[in-house]
Amino acid sequence: MKNSAIRFTILAYSILLCLSANAQDALLMQNINFSEFGYNSAFIADDDATFTVALTNTTGGGIQNTGQINFQGFTQLEKSGLAIGTRVESKYYGLFRTSTMQFETAKKVRLNANSHLFAGFGAGMQFNSLRTNELNEFVNRTDPMLVDNAFPQYRFIFGFGLGYNYLNKLKAGFSMPSFARTESDFNPIYLANVSYRIQAGEVIGIRPEALMFGSNVAPISAEFSAKIDFKNQVWIKAGARTTNTLVGAIGVDTRYITIGYAYNGFLQEFSAIVPAIHNINITFRSGSKNPEKRLQLW
């Protein structure tokens, strides 16, 4: 009876949080360069560490000054197959700032010894405000767009994510980071990805990946890339998006820490607005269940 009560409590907690894989209106480029759990919280239950903290900083130049800081932390409840965590984001674009705070949870379901399914959920709140420090004497402060955004605006955000992993080779997922909101201008974001790691030699692996993302107010965009790793620890990534964007990334992945840098270069009509976006990602892990994953280059 006691165990049943514990399981019911955990289930009730999961349902309470179960409304967003990654509720965010953030720069997609910030999340899709590194780990799957960055844009699909179903994969927080697929991490091999007991506790994980990820921090990403995003900057861009050009006419529209843009940037973002993203914090994500989660822990595994091994016996129940659940993972719970939180995400905090702060994004600015030109005159406007968007901040998001949300809770996440995911459930891992074992299909057999080699494959697992994941379902991720959560709920959060988003704050929109005006960056008054960016205003100058040339700005018309009576502009309706500025007046309407002069004070913080709050809204709830919800969503979900699904994932699949086969032997850490085949990975696939689908998520709607902003599945529902308590406002009239509902614009859901959806993402789908599939990748497969090919062992190209004794120490070299290649992971081709296709990623699609879009919303109900924008056409579907896609990224096609390949990630080459050395002993699954040191890696480089190169690819392109249908949004006239080139992508390049490099990183080191060890048992306790992952460090990565990514470059997103815009071409043609976008280059004058935001010529490039740079991402720096640092992920810390503790209690890793994979003792062999250390940085051993030679």
C-alpha atoms as a PDB file:
ATOM      1  CA  MET A   1       0.000   0.000   0.000  1.00  0.00           C
ATOM      2  CA  LYS A   2       2.846   2.355   0.873  1.00  0.00           C
ATOM      3  CA  ASN A   3       4.579   1.720  -2.467  1.00  0.00           C
ATOM      4  CA  SER A   4       1.303   2.325  -4.299  1.00  0.00           C
ATOM      5  CA  ALA A   5       0.902   5.649  -2.514  1.00  0.00           C
ATOM      6  CA  ILE A   6       4.435   6.656  -3.483  1.00  0.00           C
ATOM      7  CA  ARG A   7       3.818   5.730  -7.122  1.00  0.00           C
ATOM      8  CA  PHE A   8       0.521   7.628  -7.096  1.00  0.00           C
ATOM      9  CA  THR A   9       2.246  10.703  -5.644  1.00  0.00           C
ATOM     10  CA  ILE A  10       4.931  10.594  -8.322  1.00  0.00           C
ATOM     11  CA  LEU A  11       2.293  10.144 -11.036  1.00  0.00           C
ATOM     12  CA  ALA A  12       0.224  13.046  -9.683  1.00  0.00           C
ATOM     13  CA  TYR A  13       3.326  15.242  -9.617  1.00  0.00           C
ATOM     14  CA  SER A  14       4.111  14.276 -13.207  1.00  0.00           C
ATOM     15  CA  ILE A  15       0.600  15.102 -14.388  1.00  0.00           C
ATOM     16  CA  LEU A  16       0.771  18.438 -12.589  1.00  0.00           C
ATOM     17  CA  LEU A  17       3.902  19.346 -14.523  1.00  0.00           C
ATOM     18  CA  CYS A  18       3.014  17.562 -17.738  1.00  0.00           C
ATOM     19  CA  LEU A  19       2.454  20.335 -20.141  1.00  0.00           C
ATOM     20  CA  SER A  20       5.677  21.375 -21.904  1.00  0.00           C
ATOM     21  CA  ALA A  21       8.727  19.748 -23.392  1.00  0.00           C
ATOM     22  CA  ASN A  22      10.436  23.079 -23.993  1.00  0.00           C
ATOM     23  CA  ALA A  23       8.019  25.984 -23.832  1.00  0.00           C
ATOM     24  CA  GLN A  24      10.020  28.734 -25.448  1.00  0.00           C
ATOM     25  CA  ASP A  25       9.956  31.406 -28.105  1.00  0.00           C
ATOM     26  CA  ALA A  26      13.734  31.346 -28.081  1.00  0.00           C
ATOM     27  CA  LEU A  27      16.195  31.295 -30.937  1.00  0.00           C
ATOM     28  CA  LEU A  28      15.939  27.779 -32.289  1.00  0.00           C
ATOM     29  CA  MET A  29      19.594  27.946 -33.238  1.00  0.00           C
ATOM     30  CA  GLN A  30      20.519  28.077 -29.558  1.00  0.00           C
ATOM     31  CA  ASN A  31      18.954  24.718 -28.772  1.00  0.00           C
ATOM     32  CA  ILE A  32      19.438  22.579 -31.859  1.00  0.00           C
ATOM     33  CA  ASN A  33      23.236  22.781 -31.975  1.00  0.00           C
ATOM     34  CA  PHE A  34      23.971  20.540 -29.000  1.00  0.00           C
ATOM     35  CA  SER A  35      21.908  17.917 -27.102  1.00  0.00           C
ATOM     36  CA  GLU A  36      18.425  16.666 -27.929  1.00  0.00           C
ATOM     37  CA  PHE A  37      17.190  17.563 -24.449  1.00  0.00           C
ATOM     38  CA  GLY A  38      17.805  21.213 -25.349  1.00  0.00           C
ATOM     39  CA  TYR A  39      14.757  21.275 -27.605  1.00  0.00           C
ATOM     40  CA  ASN A  40      12.838  18.138 -26.568  1.00  0.00           C
ATOM     41  CA  SER A  41      12.532  17.534 -22.833  1.00  0.00           C
ATOM     42  CA  ALA A  42      11.539  13.909 -23.407  1.00  0.00           C
ATOM     43  CA  PHE A  43      15.294  13.318 -23.673  1.00  0.00           C
ATOM     44  CA  ILE A  44      16.070  14.535 -20.156  1.00  0.00           C
ATOM     45  CA  ALA A  45      15.163  10.949 -19.171  1.00  0.00           C
ATOM     46  CA  ASP A  46      17.785   9.648 -21.639  1.00  0.00           C
ATOM     47  CA  ASP A  47      20.824  11.172 -19.934  1.00  0.00           C
ATOM     48  CA  ASP A  48      23.271   8.767 -18.258  1.00  0.00           C
ATOM     49  CA  ALA A  49      23.977  11.059 -15.286  1.00  0.00           C
ATOM     50  CA  THR A  50      22.139  11.361 -11.993  1.00  0.00           C
ATOM     51  CA  PHE A  51      22.200  15.168 -12.154  1.00  0.00           C
ATOM     52  CA  THR A  52      22.802  17.405 -15.183  1.00  0.00           C
ATOM     53  CA  VAL A  53      23.202  21.180 -15.522  1.00  0.00           C
ATOM     54  CA  ALA A  54      23.508  22.869 -18.926  1.00  0.00           C
ATOM     55  CA  LEU A  55      24.282  26.543 -19.574  1.00  0.00           C
ATOM     56  CA  THR A  56      24.226  28.098 -23.035  1.00  0.00           C
ATOM     57  CA  ASN A  57      25.043  31.674 -24.040  1.00  0.00           C
ATOM     58  CA  THR A  58      23.922  32.977 -27.427  1.00  0.00           C
ATOM     59  CA  THR A  59      24.978  36.254 -29.053  1.00  0.00           C
ATOM     60  CA  GLY A  60      24.339  37.874 -32.420  1.00  0.00           C
ATOM     61  CA  GLY A  61      25.233  41.198 -33.997  1.00  0.00           C
ATOM     62  CA  GLY A  62      23.994  43.274 -36.893  1.00  0.00           C
ATOM     63  CA  ILE A  63      21.136  45.770 -37.002  1.00  0.00           C
ATOM     64  CA  GLN A  64      19.028  43.699 -34.599  1.00  0.00           C
ATOM     65  CA  ASN A  65      21.113  43.076 -31.502  1.00  0.00           C
ATOM     66  CA  THR A  66      20.079  39.670 -30.207  1.00  0.00           C
ATOM     67  CA  GLY A  67      21.145  37.270 -27.499  1.00  0.00           C
ATOM     68  CA  GLN A  68      20.012  34.664 -25.026  1.00  0.00           C
ATOM     69  CA  ILE A  69      21.077  32.903 -21.836  1.00  0.00           C
ATOM     70  CA  ASN A  70      19.640  29.449 -21.199  1.00  0.00           C
ATOM     71  CA  PHE A  71      19.903  27.409 -17.988  1.00  0.00           C
ATOM     72  CA  GLN A  72      18.623  23.838 -17.739  1.00  0.00           C
ATOM     73  CA  GLY A  73      18.985  21.450 -14.811  1.00  0.00           C
ATOM     74  CA  PHE A  74      17.427  18.045 -14.213  1.00  0.00           C
ATOM     75  CA  THR A  75      17.845  14.879 -12.182  1.00  0.00           C
ATOM     76  CA  GLN A  76      17.000  11.204 -12.704  1.00  0.00           C
ATOM     77  CA  LEU A  77      14.668   9.262 -10.394  1.00  0.00           C
ATOM     78  CA  GLU A  78      16.134   5.937 -11.455  1.00  0.00           C
ATOM     79  CA  LYS A  79      13.731   3.475  -9.841  1.00  0.00           C
ATOM     80  CA  SER A  80      10.648   5.170 -11.267  1.00  0.00           C
ATOM     81  CA  GLY A  81      12.148   5.944 -14.684  1.00  0.00           C
ATOM     82  CA  LEU A  82      11.244   9.609 -14.218  1.00  0.00           C
ATOM     83  CA  ALA A  83      13.377  12.700 -14.698  1.00  0.00           C
ATOM     84  CA  ILE A  84      12.427  16.119 -13.356  1.00  0.00           C
ATOM     85  CA  GLY A  85      14.019  19.497 -13.912  1.00  0.00           C
ATOM     86  CA  THR A  86      13.675  23.177 -14.597  1.00  0.00           C
ATOM     87  CA  ARG A  87      14.592  25.620 -17.346  1.00  0.00           C
ATOM     88  CA  VAL A  88      15.215  29.372 -17.167  1.00  0.00           C
ATOM     89  CA  GLU A  89      15.754  31.498 -20.271  1.00  0.00           C
ATOM     90  CA  SER A  90      16.271  35.173 -20.967  1.00  0.00           C
ATOM     91  CA  LYS A  91      16.215  36.348 -24.570  1.00  0.00           C
ATOM     92  CA  TYR A  92      16.465  39.821 -26.060  1.00  0.00           C
ATOM     93  CA  TYR A  93      15.880  40.890 -29.634  1.00  0.00           C
ATOM     94  CA  GLY A  94      16.159  44.553 -30.529  1.00  0.00           C
ATOM     95  CA  LEU A  95      13.949  46.519 -28.127  1.00  0.00           C
ATOM     96  CA  PHE A  96      12.197  43.539 -26.573  1.00  0.00           C
ATOM     97  CA  ARG A  97      13.051  40.967 -23.915  1.00  0.00           C
ATOM     98  CA  THR A  98      11.433  37.584 -23.267  1.00  0.00           C
ATOM     99  CA  SER A  99      12.070  35.576 -20.099  1.00  0.00           C
ATOM    100  CA  THR A 100      10.794  32.063 -19.462  1.00  0.00           C
ATOM    101  CA  MET A 101      10.752  29.835 -16.403  1.00  0.00           C
ATOM    102  CA  GLN A 102       9.294  26.343 -16.487  1.00  0.00           C
ATOM    103  CA  PHE A 103       9.302  22.915 -14.894  1.00  0.00           C
ATOM    104  CA  GLU A 104       9.962  19.766 -16.912  1.00  0.00           C
ATOM    105  CA  THR A 105       9.420  16.077 -16.363  1.00  0.00           C
ATOM    106  CA  ALA A 106       9.934  12.994 -18.527  1.00  0.00           C
ATOM    107  CA  LYS A 107       9.213   9.273 -18.307  1.00  0.00           C
ATOM    108  CA  LYS A 108      11.447   6.511 -19.670  1.00  0.00           C
ATOM    109  CA  VAL A 109       9.761   3.318 -20.920  1.00  0.00           C
ATOM    110  CA  ARG A 110      11.946   0.266 -21.604  1.00  0.00           C
ATOM    111  CA  LEU A 111      10.812  -1.636 -24.702  1.00  0.00           C
ATOM    112  CA  ASN A 112      13.631  -4.187 -24.599  1.00  0.00           C
ATOM    113  CA  ALA A 113      17.316  -4.343 -23.714  1.00  0.00           C
ATOM    114  CA  ASN A 114      18.245  -2.142 -26.681  1.00  0.00           C
ATOM    115  CA  SER A 115      15.479   0.427 -27.116  1.00  0.00           C
ATOM    116  CA  HIS A 116      13.528   2.924 -25.021  1.00  0.00           C
ATOM    117  CA  LEU A 117      10.659   5.362 -25.463  1.00  0.00           C
ATOM    118  CA  PHE A 118      10.469   8.746 -23.719  1.00  0.00           C
ATOM    119  CA  ALA A 119       7.629  11.169 -23.023  1.00  0.00           C
ATOM    120  CA  GLY A 120       8.340  14.676 -21.760  1.00  0.00           C
ATOM    121  CA  PHE A 121       5.996  17.260 -20.285  1.00  0.00           C
ATOM    122  CA  GLY A 122       6.074  20.443 -18.251  1.00  0.00           C
ATOM    123  CA  ALA A 123       4.560  23.856 -17.598  1.00  0.00           C
ATOM    124  CA  GLY A 124       5.895  27.355 -17.329  1.00  0.00           C
ATOM    125  CA  MET A 125       5.358  31.083 -17.501  1.00  0.00           C
ATOM    126  CA  GLN A 126       6.703  33.645 -19.947  1.00  0.00           C
ATOM    127  CA  PHE A 127       7.388  37.346 -19.317  1.00  0.00           C
ATOM    128  CA  ASN A 128       7.592  39.883 -22.157  1.00  0.00           C
ATOM    129  CA  SER A 129       8.913  43.401 -21.575  1.00  0.00           C
ATOM    130  CA  LEU A 130      10.527  46.388 -23.232  1.00  0.00           C
ATOM    131  CA  ARG A 131      14.277  47.042 -23.016  1.00  0.00           C
ATOM    132  CA  THR A 132      14.044  50.696 -22.013  1.00  0.00           C
ATOM    133  CA  ASN A 133      17.838  51.042 -21.916  1.00  0.00           C
ATOM    134  CA  GLU A 134      17.836  50.634 -25.719  1.00  0.00           C
ATOM    135  CA  LEU A 135      15.600  53.683 -26.273  1.00  0.00           C
ATOM    136  CA  ASN A 136      17.128  56.990 -27.390  1.00  0.00           C
ATOM    137  CA  GLU A 137      15.980  60.437 -28.531  1.00  0.00           C
ATOM    138  CA  PHE A 138      15.143  59.137 -32.005  1.00  0.00           C
ATOM    139  CA  VAL A 139      12.533  56.684 -30.711  1.00  0.00           C
ATOM    140  CA  ASN A 140       8.886  57.754 -30.692  1.00  0.00           C
ATOM    141  CA  ARG A 141       7.819  56.731 -27.199  1.00  0.00           C
ATOM    142  CA  THR A 142       4.140  57.206 -28.085  1.00  0.00           C
ATOM    143  CA  ASP A 143       4.325  54.472 -30.711  1.00  0.00           C
ATOM    144  CA  PRO A 144       1.479  52.011 -29.927  1.00  0.00           C
ATOM    145  CA  MET A 145       3.850  49.051 -30.220  1.00  0.00           C
ATOM    146  CA  LEU A 146       6.071  50.515 -27.512  1.00  0.00           C
ATOM    147  CA  VAL A 147       3.194  51.635 -25.318  1.00  0.00           C
ATOM    148  CA  ASP A 148       1.559  48.200 -25.444  1.00  0.00           C
ATOM    149  CA  ASN A 149       4.831  46.562 -24.433  1.00  0.00           C
ATOM    150  CA  ALA A 150       5.950  49.140 -21.887  1.00  0.00           C
ATOM    151  CA  PHE A 151       5.010  46.920 -18.940  1.00  0.00           C
ATOM    152  CA  PRO A 152       5.735  43.225 -18.417  1.00  0.00           C
ATOM    153  CA  GLN A 153       3.201  40.873 -19.960  1.00  0.00           C
ATOM    154  CA  TYR A 154       2.696  37.399 -18.513  1.00  0.00           C
ATOM    155  CA  ARG A 155       1.360  34.221 -20.071  1.00  0.00           C
ATOM    156  CA  PHE A 156       1.338  30.508 -19.348  1.00  0.00           C
ATOM    157  CA  ILE A 157       3.020  28.154 -21.811  1.00  0.00           C
ATOM    158  CA  PHE A 158       2.587  24.418 -22.224  1.00  0.00           C
ATOM    159  CA  GLY A 159       3.749  21.627 -24.520  1.00  0.00           C
ATOM    160  CA  PHE A 160       5.001  18.056 -24.828  1.00  0.00           C
ATOM    161  CA  GLY A 161       7.756  15.906 -26.334  1.00  0.00           C
ATOM    162  CA  LEU A 162       8.243  12.302 -27.451  1.00  0.00           C
ATOM    163  CA  GLY A 163      11.497  10.449 -28.127  1.00  0.00           C
ATOM    164  CA  TYR A 164      13.004   7.086 -29.081  1.00  0.00           C
ATOM    165  CA  ASN A 165      16.523   5.699 -28.633  1.00  0.00           C
ATOM    166  CA  TYR A 166      17.936   2.444 -29.999  1.00  0.00           C
ATOM    167  CA  LEU A 167      21.386   1.548 -28.641  1.00  0.00           C
ATOM    168  CA  ASN A 168      22.382   5.235 -28.749  1.00  0.00           C
ATOM    169  CA  LYS A 169      22.557   4.787 -32.517  1.00  0.00           C
ATOM    170  CA  LEU A 170      19.083   5.562 -33.835  1.00  0.00           C
ATOM    171  CA  LYS A 171      17.458   8.571 -32.172  1.00  0.00           C
ATOM    172  CA  ALA A 172      14.160  10.170 -33.144  1.00  0.00           C
ATOM    173  CA  GLY A 173      11.900  12.714 -31.525  1.00  0.00           C
ATOM    174  CA  PHE A 174       8.948  15.054 -31.927  1.00  0.00           C
ATOM    175  CA  SER A 175       8.033  18.000 -29.721  1.00  0.00           C
ATOM    176  CA  MET A 176       5.675  20.955 -29.611  1.00  0.00           C
ATOM    177  CA  PRO A 177       7.481  23.334 -27.249  1.00  0.00           C
ATOM    178  CA  SER A 178       4.588  25.801 -27.137  1.00  0.00           C
ATOM    179  CA  PHE A 179       1.637  23.462 -27.510  1.00  0.00           C
ATOM    180  CA  ALA A 180      -0.809  25.742 -25.676  1.00  0.00           C
ATOM    181  CA  ARG A 181      -0.948  29.219 -24.190  1.00  0.00           C
ATOM    182  CA  THR A 182      -3.526  31.252 -22.362  1.00  0.00           C
ATOM    183  CA  GLU A 183      -3.745  33.945 -25.027  1.00  0.00           C
ATOM    184  CA  SER A 184      -5.529  34.548 -28.311  1.00  0.00           C
ATOM    185  CA  ASP A 185      -2.506  34.615 -30.637  1.00  0.00           C
ATOM    186  CA  PHE A 186      -1.634  30.940 -30.212  1.00  0.00           C
ATOM    187  CA  ASN A 187       1.423  30.137 -32.357  1.00  0.00           C
ATOM    188  CA  PRO A 188       2.690  26.616 -31.599  1.00  0.00           C
ATOM    189  CA  ILE A 189       6.250  25.623 -32.426  1.00  0.00           C
ATOM    190  CA  TYR A 190       6.969  22.043 -33.458  1.00  0.00           C
ATOM    191  CA  LEU A 191      10.195  20.134 -34.079  1.00  0.00           C
ATOM    192  CA  ALA A 192      11.021  16.653 -35.356  1.00  0.00           C
ATOM    193  CA  ASN A 193      14.441  15.020 -35.598  1.00  0.00           C
ATOM    194  CA  VAL A 194      15.993  11.716 -36.610  1.00  0.00           C
ATOM    195  CA  SER A 195      19.664  10.683 -36.546  1.00  0.00           C
ATOM    196  CA  TYR A 196      21.740   7.516 -36.762  1.00  0.00           C
ATOM    197  CA  ARG A 197      25.331   6.980 -35.615  1.00  0.00           C
ATOM    198  CA  ILE A 198      27.496   4.947 -38.004  1.00  0.00           C
ATOM    199  CA  GLN A 199      30.710   3.378 -36.729  1.00  0.00           C
ATOM    200  CA  ALA A 200      33.169   4.334 -39.479  1.00  0.00           C
ATOM    201  CA  GLY A 201      36.257   2.824 -37.848  1.00  0.00           C
ATOM    202  CA  GLU A 202      37.665   1.706 -34.550  1.00  0.00           C
ATOM    203  CA  VAL A 203      37.516   5.195 -33.038  1.00  0.00           C
ATOM    204  CA  ILE A 204      35.517   7.283 -35.557  1.00  0.00           C
ATOM    205  CA  GLY A 205      31.738   7.668 -35.626  1.00  0.00           C
ATOM    206  CA  ILE A 206      29.506   9.621 -38.019  1.00  0.00           C
ATOM    207  CA  ARG A 207      25.972  10.742 -37.137  1.00  0.00           C
ATOM    208  CA  PRO A 208      23.890  12.157 -40.027  1.00  0.00           C
ATOM    209  CA  GLU A 209      20.837  14.043 -38.770  1.00  0.00           C
ATOM    210  CA  ALA A 210      17.716  15.645 -40.210  1.00  0.00           C
ATOM    211  CA  LEU A 211      15.773  18.179 -38.158  1.00  0.00           C
ATOM    212  CA  MET A 212      12.538  19.940 -39.136  1.00  0.00           C
ATOM    213  CA  PHE A 213      10.963  22.840 -37.269  1.00  0.00           C
ATOM    214  CA  GLY A 214       8.235  25.412 -37.848  1.00  0.00           C
ATOM    215  CA  SER A 215       4.965  26.847 -36.583  1.00  0.00           C
ATOM    216  CA  ASN A 216       1.468  27.604 -37.798  1.00  0.00           C
ATOM    217  CA  VAL A 217       2.580  31.060 -38.954  1.00  0.00           C
ATOM    218  CA  ALA A 218       5.827  30.026 -40.665  1.00  0.00           C
ATOM    219  CA  PRO A 219       6.721  27.391 -43.258  1.00  0.00           C
ATOM    220  CA  ILE A 220       8.524  24.232 -42.236  1.00  0.00           C
ATOM    221  CA  SER A 221      12.292  24.671 -42.191  1.00  0.00           C
ATOM    222  CA  ALA A 222      14.864  21.897 -42.107  1.00  0.00           C
ATOM    223  CA  GLU A 223      18.453  21.307 -41.086  1.00  0.00           C
ATOM    224  CA  PHE A 224      20.641  18.593 -42.571  1.00  0.00           C
ATOM    225  CA  SER A 225      23.939  17.967 -40.834  1.00  0.00           C
ATOM    226  CA  ALA A 226      26.577  15.387 -39.982  1.00  0.00           C
ATOM    227  CA  LYS A 227      28.451  15.020 -36.712  1.00  0.00           C
ATOM    228  CA  ILE A 228      31.833  13.259 -36.704  1.00  0.00           C
ATOM    229  CA  ASP A 229      33.189  12.085 -33.352  1.00  0.00           C
ATOM    230  CA  PHE A 230      36.464  10.607 -32.102  1.00  0.00           C
ATOM    231  CA  LYS A 231      35.737   7.867 -29.532  1.00  0.00           C
ATOM    232  CA  ASN A 232      32.349   9.550 -29.066  1.00  0.00           C
ATOM    233  CA  GLN A 233      34.148  12.279 -27.121  1.00  0.00           C
ATOM    234  CA  VAL A 234      35.642  14.933 -29.419  1.00  0.00           C
ATOM    235  CA  TRP A 235      33.298  15.944 -32.224  1.00  0.00           C
ATOM    236  CA  ILE A 236      32.706  18.367 -35.062  1.00  0.00           C
ATOM    237  CA  LYS A 237      29.444  19.139 -36.812  1.00  0.00           C
ATOM    238  CA  ALA A 238      28.666  20.772 -40.157  1.00  0.00           C
ATOM    239  CA  GLY A 239      25.408  21.352 -41.958  1.00  0.00           C
ATOM    240  CA  ALA A 240      22.968  23.754 -43.565  1.00  0.00           C
ATOM    241  CA  ARG A 241      19.400  24.897 -43.055  1.00  0.00           C
ATOM    242  CA  THR A 242      16.733  25.769 -45.575  1.00  0.00           C
ATOM    243  CA  THR A 243      16.618  29.226 -43.952  1.00  0.00           C
ATOM    244  CA  ASN A 244      19.823  30.109 -45.846  1.00  0.00           C
ATOM    245  CA  THR A 245      21.948  29.301 -42.822  1.00  0.00           C
ATOM    246  CA  LEU A 246      25.240  27.452 -42.519  1.00  0.00           C
ATOM    247  CA  VAL A 247      26.002  25.611 -39.284  1.00  0.00           C
ATOM    248  CA  GLY A 248      29.315  24.543 -37.801  1.00  0.00           C
ATOM    249  CA  ALA A 249      30.094  23.258 -34.310  1.00  0.00           C
ATOM    250  CA  ILE A 250      32.894  21.678 -32.314  1.00  0.00           C
ATOM    251  CA  GLY A 251      32.931  20.170 -28.848  1.00  0.00           C
ATOM    252  CA  VAL A 252      34.460  17.885 -26.224  1.00  0.00           C
ATOM    253  CA  ASP A 253      32.230  15.381 -24.404  1.00  0.00           C
ATOM    254  CA  THR A 254      33.617  13.653 -21.303  1.00  0.00           C
ATOM    255  CA  ARG A 255      32.141  11.797 -18.360  1.00  0.00           C
ATOM    256  CA  TYR A 256      31.652  14.932 -16.249  1.00  0.00           C
ATOM    257  CA  ILE A 257      31.639  17.927 -18.595  1.00  0.00           C
ATOM    258  CA  THR A 258      30.713  18.846 -22.158  1.00  0.00           C
ATOM    259  CA  ILE A 259      31.963  22.037 -23.804  1.00  0.00           C
ATOM    260  CA  GLY A 260      30.813  23.113 -27.252  1.00  0.00           C
ATOM    261  CA  TYR A 261      30.865  26.073 -29.633  1.00  0.00           C
ATOM    262  CA  ALA A 262      28.550  26.552 -32.605  1.00  0.00           C
ATOM    263  CA  TYR A 263      28.463  29.080 -35.439  1.00  0.00           C
ATOM    264  CA  ASN A 264      25.264  29.904 -37.324  1.00  0.00           C
ATOM    265  CA  GLY A 265      25.935  32.078 -40.374  1.00  0.00           C
ATOM    266  CA  PHE A 266      23.038  33.684 -42.235  1.00  0.00           C
ATOM    267  CA  LEU A 267      23.208  34.191 -45.981  1.00  0.00           C
ATOM    268  CA  GLN A 268      21.544  36.609 -48.418  1.00  0.00           C
ATOM    269  CA  GLU A 269      18.595  38.614 -47.075  1.00  0.00           C
ATOM    270  CA  PHE A 270      19.179  37.831 -43.374  1.00  0.00           C
ATOM    271  CA  SER A 271      22.877  38.665 -43.257  1.00  0.00           C
ATOM    272  CA  ALA A 272      22.405  42.436 -42.890  1.00  0.00           C
ATOM    273  CA  ILE A 273      19.999  41.989 -39.949  1.00  0.00           C
ATOM    274  CA  VAL A 274      21.835  39.266 -38.025  1.00  0.00           C
ATOM    275  CA  PRO A 275      24.999  38.178 -39.875  1.00  0.00           C
ATOM    276  CA  ALA A 276      25.822  35.370 -37.450  1.00  0.00           C
ATOM    277  CA  ILE A 277      24.822  33.807 -34.148  1.00  0.00           C
ATOM    278  CA  HIS A 278      27.388  32.259 -31.807  1.00  0.00           C
ATOM    279  CA  ASN A 279      26.571  29.629 -29.164  1.00  0.00           C
ATOM    280  CA  ILE A 280      28.750  28.504 -26.260  1.00  0.00           C
ATOM    281  CA  ASN A 281      27.475  25.519 -24.277  1.00  0.00           C
ATOM    282  CA  ILE A 282      28.788  24.025 -21.018  1.00  0.00           C
ATOM    283  CA  THR A 283      27.114  20.955 -19.496  1.00  0.00           C
ATOM    284  CA  PHE A 284      28.068  19.487 -16.113  1.00  0.00           C
ATOM    285  CA  ARG A 285      27.119  15.958 -15.018  1.00  0.00           C
ATOM    286  CA  SER A 286      27.447  14.071 -11.734  1.00  0.00           C
ATOM    287  CA  GLY A 287      26.792  10.438 -10.909  1.00  0.00           C
ATOM    288  CA  SER A 288      27.405   9.274 -14.476  1.00  0.00           C
ATOM    289  CA  LYS A 289      26.580   5.613 -15.089  1.00  0.00           C
ATOM    290  CA  ASN A 290      29.167   5.422 -17.862  1.00  0.00           C
ATOM    291  CA  PRO A 291      32.625   5.171 -16.213  1.00  0.00           C
ATOM    292  CA  GLU A 292      34.333   4.526 -19.551  1.00  0.00           C
ATOM    293  CA  LYS A 293      33.397   7.946 -20.918  1.00  0.00           C
ATOM    294  CA  ARG A 294      36.571   9.868 -20.169  1.00  0.00           C
ATOM    295  CA  LEU A 295      38.700  12.026 -22.387  1.00  0.00           C
ATOM    296  CA  GLN A 296      41.296   9.560 -23.683  1.00  0.00           C
ATOM    297  CA  LEU A 297      42.531  10.906 -26.993  1.00  0.00           C
ATOM    298  CA  TRP A 298      45.507   8.619 -27.547  1.00  0.00           C
END
